[in-house]
N, C-alpha and C. Protein backbone atom coordinates (compact mmCIF):
# COMPACT_ATOMS: atom_id res chain seq x y z
N MET A 1 110.83 104.89 92.57
CA MET A 1 110.85 106.19 91.95
C MET A 1 109.59 106.35 91.09
N ILE A 2 109.03 107.55 91.10
CA ILE A 2 107.81 107.85 90.34
C ILE A 2 108.21 108.39 88.97
N SER A 3 107.76 107.71 87.92
CA SER A 3 108.14 108.13 86.58
C SER A 3 107.15 109.12 85.96
N ASN A 4 105.91 109.16 86.46
CA ASN A 4 104.95 110.16 85.97
C ASN A 4 103.94 110.47 87.07
N LEU A 5 103.23 111.57 86.91
CA LEU A 5 102.32 112.04 87.95
C LEU A 5 101.16 111.08 88.22
N GLN A 6 100.78 110.29 87.21
CA GLN A 6 99.67 109.36 87.42
C GLN A 6 100.01 108.28 88.45
N GLN A 7 101.28 108.11 88.75
CA GLN A 7 101.67 107.11 89.75
C GLN A 7 101.76 107.70 91.16
N LEU A 8 101.69 109.04 91.27
CA LEU A 8 101.83 109.71 92.56
C LEU A 8 100.55 109.55 93.38
N ARG A 9 100.72 109.19 94.66
CA ARG A 9 99.61 109.12 95.60
C ARG A 9 99.79 110.22 96.64
N LEU A 10 98.82 111.12 96.72
CA LEU A 10 98.90 112.31 97.55
C LEU A 10 97.78 112.28 98.59
N LEU A 11 98.15 112.44 99.85
CA LEU A 11 97.17 112.55 100.92
C LEU A 11 97.13 114.01 101.35
N VAL A 12 95.98 114.66 101.16
CA VAL A 12 95.80 116.07 101.51
C VAL A 12 94.93 116.14 102.75
N VAL A 13 95.41 116.84 103.76
CA VAL A 13 94.67 117.00 105.02
C VAL A 13 94.46 118.49 105.24
N GLY A 14 93.22 118.91 105.40
CA GLY A 14 92.98 120.33 105.63
C GLY A 14 91.55 120.71 105.38
N PRO A 15 91.26 122.00 105.52
CA PRO A 15 89.88 122.48 105.36
C PRO A 15 89.43 122.40 103.90
N THR A 16 88.54 121.50 103.62
CA THR A 16 88.14 121.22 102.24
C THR A 16 87.34 122.34 101.59
N GLY A 17 86.80 123.26 102.39
CA GLY A 17 85.96 124.31 101.84
C GLY A 17 86.70 125.57 101.44
N ILE A 18 88.02 125.59 101.54
CA ILE A 18 88.80 126.80 101.27
C ILE A 18 89.50 126.67 99.92
N HIS A 19 89.38 127.71 99.10
CA HIS A 19 89.94 127.65 97.74
C HIS A 19 91.44 127.46 97.72
N ILE A 20 92.15 127.96 98.72
CA ILE A 20 93.61 127.82 98.72
C ILE A 20 94.04 126.36 98.94
N VAL A 21 93.14 125.54 99.44
CA VAL A 21 93.38 124.10 99.56
C VAL A 21 92.88 123.41 98.30
N GLN A 22 91.73 123.83 97.80
CA GLN A 22 91.12 123.20 96.64
C GLN A 22 91.93 123.41 95.36
N ARG A 23 92.51 124.60 95.21
CA ARG A 23 93.21 124.94 93.96
C ARG A 23 94.39 123.99 93.68
N PRO A 24 95.35 123.82 94.61
CA PRO A 24 96.46 122.90 94.28
C PRO A 24 96.00 121.45 94.14
N LEU A 25 94.97 121.06 94.91
CA LEU A 25 94.46 119.70 94.76
C LEU A 25 93.85 119.53 93.37
N SER A 26 93.10 120.53 92.92
CA SER A 26 92.50 120.45 91.58
C SER A 26 93.57 120.34 90.51
N TRP A 27 94.66 121.11 90.64
CA TRP A 27 95.75 121.04 89.68
C TRP A 27 96.34 119.63 89.64
N ALA A 28 96.56 119.06 90.81
CA ALA A 28 97.13 117.71 90.88
C ALA A 28 96.18 116.69 90.25
N LEU A 29 94.88 116.81 90.56
CA LEU A 29 93.90 115.87 90.01
C LEU A 29 93.80 115.98 88.50
N GLU A 30 93.93 117.19 87.96
CA GLU A 30 93.91 117.38 86.51
C GLU A 30 95.08 116.67 85.83
N GLU A 31 96.16 116.48 86.55
CA GLU A 31 97.34 115.79 86.02
C GLU A 31 97.27 114.28 86.24
N GLY A 32 96.19 113.81 86.87
CA GLY A 32 96.00 112.38 87.06
C GLY A 32 96.55 111.82 88.36
N VAL A 33 96.95 112.70 89.28
CA VAL A 33 97.46 112.25 90.57
C VAL A 33 96.33 111.55 91.33
N GLN A 34 96.65 110.46 92.01
CA GLN A 34 95.70 109.78 92.88
C GLN A 34 95.74 110.48 94.22
N ALA A 35 94.58 110.81 94.78
CA ALA A 35 94.57 111.58 96.03
C ALA A 35 93.46 111.12 96.96
N GLN A 36 93.72 111.33 98.24
CA GLN A 36 92.69 111.21 99.25
C GLN A 36 92.69 112.52 100.01
N PHE A 37 91.50 113.01 100.33
CA PHE A 37 91.29 114.31 100.93
C PHE A 37 90.69 114.07 102.31
N VAL A 38 91.34 114.54 103.36
CA VAL A 38 90.91 114.27 104.73
C VAL A 38 90.51 115.57 105.43
N ASP A 39 89.33 115.56 106.03
CA ASP A 39 88.87 116.71 106.82
C ASP A 39 87.72 116.24 107.71
N TYR A 40 87.18 117.17 108.48
CA TYR A 40 86.05 116.83 109.35
C TYR A 40 84.81 116.47 108.54
N ARG A 41 84.58 117.24 107.46
CA ARG A 41 83.46 116.95 106.55
C ARG A 41 83.85 117.44 105.16
N ASN A 42 83.22 116.89 104.16
CA ASN A 42 83.56 117.22 102.78
C ASN A 42 82.84 118.50 102.35
N GLN A 43 83.63 119.56 102.16
CA GLN A 43 83.09 120.82 101.67
C GLN A 43 83.71 121.18 100.31
N TYR A 44 84.31 120.18 99.67
CA TYR A 44 84.92 120.42 98.37
C TYR A 44 83.83 120.85 97.41
N GLN A 45 84.08 121.92 96.63
CA GLN A 45 83.02 122.54 95.84
C GLN A 45 82.83 121.95 94.45
N ARG A 46 83.56 120.91 94.14
CA ARG A 46 83.42 120.25 92.84
C ARG A 46 83.19 118.76 93.07
N THR A 47 82.70 118.10 92.04
CA THR A 47 82.58 116.65 92.10
C THR A 47 83.99 116.07 92.04
N LEU A 48 84.29 115.19 92.95
CA LEU A 48 85.62 114.58 92.96
C LEU A 48 85.75 113.57 91.84
N PRO A 49 86.86 113.59 91.11
CA PRO A 49 87.07 112.60 90.05
C PRO A 49 87.33 111.22 90.64
N ALA A 50 87.33 110.23 89.80
CA ALA A 50 87.53 108.84 90.25
C ALA A 50 88.88 108.64 90.92
N THR A 51 89.86 109.50 90.65
CA THR A 51 91.19 109.35 91.24
C THR A 51 91.30 109.98 92.62
N CYS A 52 90.19 110.50 93.16
CA CYS A 52 90.22 111.16 94.46
C CYS A 52 89.07 110.66 95.34
N LYS A 53 89.37 110.51 96.61
CA LYS A 53 88.38 110.02 97.57
C LYS A 53 88.41 110.91 98.80
N PHE A 54 87.25 111.25 99.34
CA PHE A 54 87.18 111.99 100.60
C PHE A 54 87.16 111.00 101.75
N VAL A 55 87.91 111.32 102.82
CA VAL A 55 87.96 110.49 104.02
C VAL A 55 87.74 111.39 105.23
N HIS A 56 86.85 110.98 106.13
CA HIS A 56 86.63 111.73 107.36
C HIS A 56 87.85 111.62 108.27
N LEU A 57 88.16 112.72 108.99
CA LEU A 57 89.30 112.72 109.89
C LEU A 57 89.15 111.68 110.99
N TRP A 58 87.93 111.55 111.49
CA TRP A 58 87.68 110.56 112.53
C TRP A 58 86.93 109.38 111.94
N PRO A 59 87.19 108.17 112.43
CA PRO A 59 86.50 106.99 111.88
C PRO A 59 85.01 107.02 112.18
N PRO A 60 84.22 106.27 111.42
CA PRO A 60 82.77 106.24 111.63
C PRO A 60 82.42 105.92 113.09
N GLY A 61 81.46 106.66 113.61
CA GLY A 61 80.99 106.41 114.96
C GLY A 61 81.73 107.17 116.05
N THR A 62 82.83 107.83 115.71
CA THR A 62 83.60 108.54 116.75
C THR A 62 83.61 110.05 116.55
N GLY A 63 83.14 110.52 115.43
CA GLY A 63 83.22 111.95 115.10
C GLY A 63 82.50 112.85 116.08
N ARG A 64 81.30 112.48 116.47
CA ARG A 64 80.53 113.33 117.39
C ARG A 64 81.22 113.43 118.75
N LEU A 65 81.68 112.31 119.29
CA LEU A 65 82.38 112.33 120.58
C LEU A 65 83.69 113.09 120.48
N ALA A 66 84.49 112.81 119.45
CA ALA A 66 85.77 113.49 119.29
C ALA A 66 85.56 115.00 119.10
N GLY A 67 84.58 115.37 118.32
CA GLY A 67 84.28 116.79 118.11
C GLY A 67 83.85 117.48 119.40
N TRP A 68 83.03 116.80 120.19
CA TRP A 68 82.58 117.36 121.46
C TRP A 68 83.76 117.55 122.40
N LEU A 69 84.62 116.55 122.51
CA LEU A 69 85.80 116.66 123.38
C LEU A 69 86.71 117.80 122.92
N LYS A 70 86.91 117.90 121.61
CA LYS A 70 87.76 118.96 121.05
C LYS A 70 87.18 120.33 121.38
N GLU A 71 85.88 120.50 121.23
CA GLU A 71 85.24 121.79 121.51
C GLU A 71 85.26 122.14 122.99
N HIS A 72 85.35 121.15 123.85
CA HIS A 72 85.32 121.39 125.29
C HIS A 72 86.70 121.32 125.94
N GLY A 73 87.72 121.53 125.13
CA GLY A 73 89.06 121.70 125.68
C GLY A 73 89.91 120.47 125.89
N SER A 74 89.44 119.31 125.52
CA SER A 74 90.24 118.10 125.68
C SER A 74 90.74 117.65 124.30
N LEU A 75 92.02 117.94 124.02
CA LEU A 75 92.57 117.59 122.71
C LEU A 75 93.24 116.23 122.67
N ALA A 76 93.63 115.69 123.81
CA ALA A 76 94.41 114.46 123.81
C ALA A 76 93.67 113.30 123.14
N VAL A 77 92.45 113.02 123.58
CA VAL A 77 91.71 111.88 123.03
C VAL A 77 91.35 112.09 121.55
N PRO A 78 90.78 113.25 121.17
CA PRO A 78 90.47 113.44 119.75
C PRO A 78 91.71 113.39 118.85
N THR A 79 92.85 113.91 119.36
CA THR A 79 94.08 113.88 118.57
C THR A 79 94.50 112.45 118.31
N TRP A 80 94.47 111.61 119.32
CA TRP A 80 94.88 110.21 119.13
C TRP A 80 93.88 109.43 118.28
N ILE A 81 92.58 109.77 118.41
CA ILE A 81 91.59 109.13 117.54
C ILE A 81 91.89 109.48 116.09
N GLY A 82 92.12 110.77 115.81
CA GLY A 82 92.45 111.20 114.46
C GLY A 82 93.75 110.60 113.96
N ALA A 83 94.77 110.56 114.84
CA ALA A 83 96.07 110.03 114.45
C ALA A 83 95.98 108.54 114.12
N LEU A 84 95.29 107.78 114.94
CA LEU A 84 95.16 106.34 114.67
C LEU A 84 94.38 106.09 113.39
N HIS A 85 93.35 106.91 113.14
CA HIS A 85 92.59 106.75 111.90
C HIS A 85 93.46 107.12 110.70
N LEU A 86 94.25 108.19 110.82
CA LEU A 86 95.15 108.57 109.73
C LEU A 86 96.17 107.48 109.45
N ARG A 87 96.67 106.84 110.50
CA ARG A 87 97.59 105.71 110.30
C ARG A 87 96.94 104.62 109.47
N SER A 88 95.69 104.34 109.77
CA SER A 88 94.95 103.32 109.02
C SER A 88 94.77 103.75 107.56
N VAL A 89 94.41 105.01 107.35
CA VAL A 89 94.24 105.54 105.99
C VAL A 89 95.56 105.45 105.23
N MET A 90 96.66 105.85 105.89
CA MET A 90 97.97 105.82 105.24
C MET A 90 98.43 104.39 104.95
N ALA A 91 98.11 103.46 105.84
CA ALA A 91 98.50 102.07 105.61
C ALA A 91 97.80 101.48 104.40
N SER A 92 96.53 101.85 104.19
CA SER A 92 95.81 101.29 103.04
C SER A 92 96.10 102.06 101.74
N PHE A 93 96.25 103.38 101.82
CA PHE A 93 96.46 104.21 100.62
C PHE A 93 97.94 104.30 100.23
N GLN A 94 98.83 104.23 101.19
CA GLN A 94 100.28 104.32 101.01
C GLN A 94 100.68 105.56 100.19
N PRO A 95 100.40 106.75 100.73
CA PRO A 95 100.73 107.98 99.98
C PRO A 95 102.24 108.19 99.87
N HIS A 96 102.64 108.81 98.77
CA HIS A 96 104.04 109.20 98.60
C HIS A 96 104.32 110.48 99.37
N VAL A 97 103.30 111.33 99.50
CA VAL A 97 103.42 112.62 100.17
C VAL A 97 102.14 112.89 100.96
N VAL A 98 102.32 113.46 102.16
CA VAL A 98 101.18 113.93 102.96
C VAL A 98 101.32 115.45 103.03
N HIS A 99 100.28 116.16 102.60
CA HIS A 99 100.30 117.62 102.59
C HIS A 99 99.17 118.12 103.48
N VAL A 100 99.53 118.74 104.60
CA VAL A 100 98.54 119.28 105.53
C VAL A 100 98.54 120.80 105.43
N HIS A 101 97.33 121.36 105.44
CA HIS A 101 97.16 122.81 105.34
C HIS A 101 96.76 123.38 106.70
N LEU A 102 97.38 124.47 107.06
CA LEU A 102 97.18 125.19 108.33
C LEU A 102 97.95 124.51 109.47
N LEU A 103 98.28 125.29 110.44
CA LEU A 103 98.86 124.74 111.67
C LEU A 103 97.73 124.67 112.68
N ASP A 104 97.04 123.57 112.69
CA ASP A 104 95.92 123.41 113.61
C ASP A 104 95.84 121.96 114.07
N PHE A 105 94.68 121.59 114.54
CA PHE A 105 94.45 120.26 115.08
C PHE A 105 94.78 119.16 114.07
N ARG A 106 94.45 119.38 112.81
CA ARG A 106 94.72 118.39 111.78
C ARG A 106 96.22 118.13 111.63
N THR A 107 97.03 119.19 111.77
CA THR A 107 98.49 119.05 111.70
C THR A 107 98.99 118.18 112.85
N LEU A 108 98.46 118.43 114.04
CA LEU A 108 98.84 117.63 115.20
C LEU A 108 98.51 116.15 114.99
N CYS A 109 97.36 115.87 114.40
CA CYS A 109 96.98 114.48 114.10
C CYS A 109 97.98 113.86 113.13
N CYS A 110 98.39 114.61 112.09
CA CYS A 110 99.35 114.10 111.10
C CYS A 110 100.70 113.80 111.75
N VAL A 111 101.15 114.70 112.61
CA VAL A 111 102.44 114.49 113.28
C VAL A 111 102.37 113.26 114.18
N ARG A 112 101.31 113.16 114.97
CA ARG A 112 101.17 112.00 115.87
C ARG A 112 100.97 110.70 115.11
N ALA A 113 100.44 110.79 113.89
CA ALA A 113 100.25 109.58 113.08
C ALA A 113 101.56 109.12 112.44
N GLY A 114 102.59 109.96 112.52
CA GLY A 114 103.87 109.60 111.91
C GLY A 114 103.89 109.81 110.40
N SER A 115 103.12 110.76 109.91
CA SER A 115 103.04 111.03 108.46
C SER A 115 104.41 111.43 107.92
N ARG A 116 104.87 110.70 106.90
CA ARG A 116 106.17 110.97 106.28
C ARG A 116 106.09 110.70 104.79
N PRO A 117 106.65 111.48 103.92
CA PRO A 117 107.10 112.84 104.18
C PRO A 117 105.90 113.76 104.36
N LEU A 118 106.05 114.72 105.27
CA LEU A 118 104.97 115.62 105.62
C LEU A 118 105.31 117.04 105.17
N ILE A 119 104.44 117.60 104.34
CA ILE A 119 104.55 118.99 103.93
C ILE A 119 103.48 119.77 104.66
N VAL A 120 103.86 120.86 105.31
CA VAL A 120 102.90 121.69 106.04
C VAL A 120 102.85 123.06 105.38
N SER A 121 101.66 123.45 104.93
CA SER A 121 101.44 124.80 104.41
C SER A 121 100.82 125.62 105.53
N ALA A 122 101.61 126.53 106.08
CA ALA A 122 101.17 127.30 107.24
C ALA A 122 100.72 128.69 106.82
N TRP A 123 99.93 128.77 105.82
CA TRP A 123 99.49 130.07 105.34
C TRP A 123 98.52 130.59 106.34
């Protein structure tokens, strides 16, 4: 059981450049929540505090290939690359909550990675 917010580990997956994603993450970080932010690239508009780390959706060396496949209509391979990488991120970070924004490719990666508990904001 979590006795205070400083003990909470939050994994946020979504478009880092959008204020509707940045705002709740900023609120959580101001309260001392530990967080990891996952997206294709870091477009967060503020300097991340020490309690937050940006993580690429795809592991190093696979982003260009996965992105090309995704853009050319093949979602199966990029989805599994993202899902396996998310599993690795979750195994090392051990988040209490995974919060994914939008119903898109990133959500599919979270579902295939077995993210639990998973909160989806489908705005």
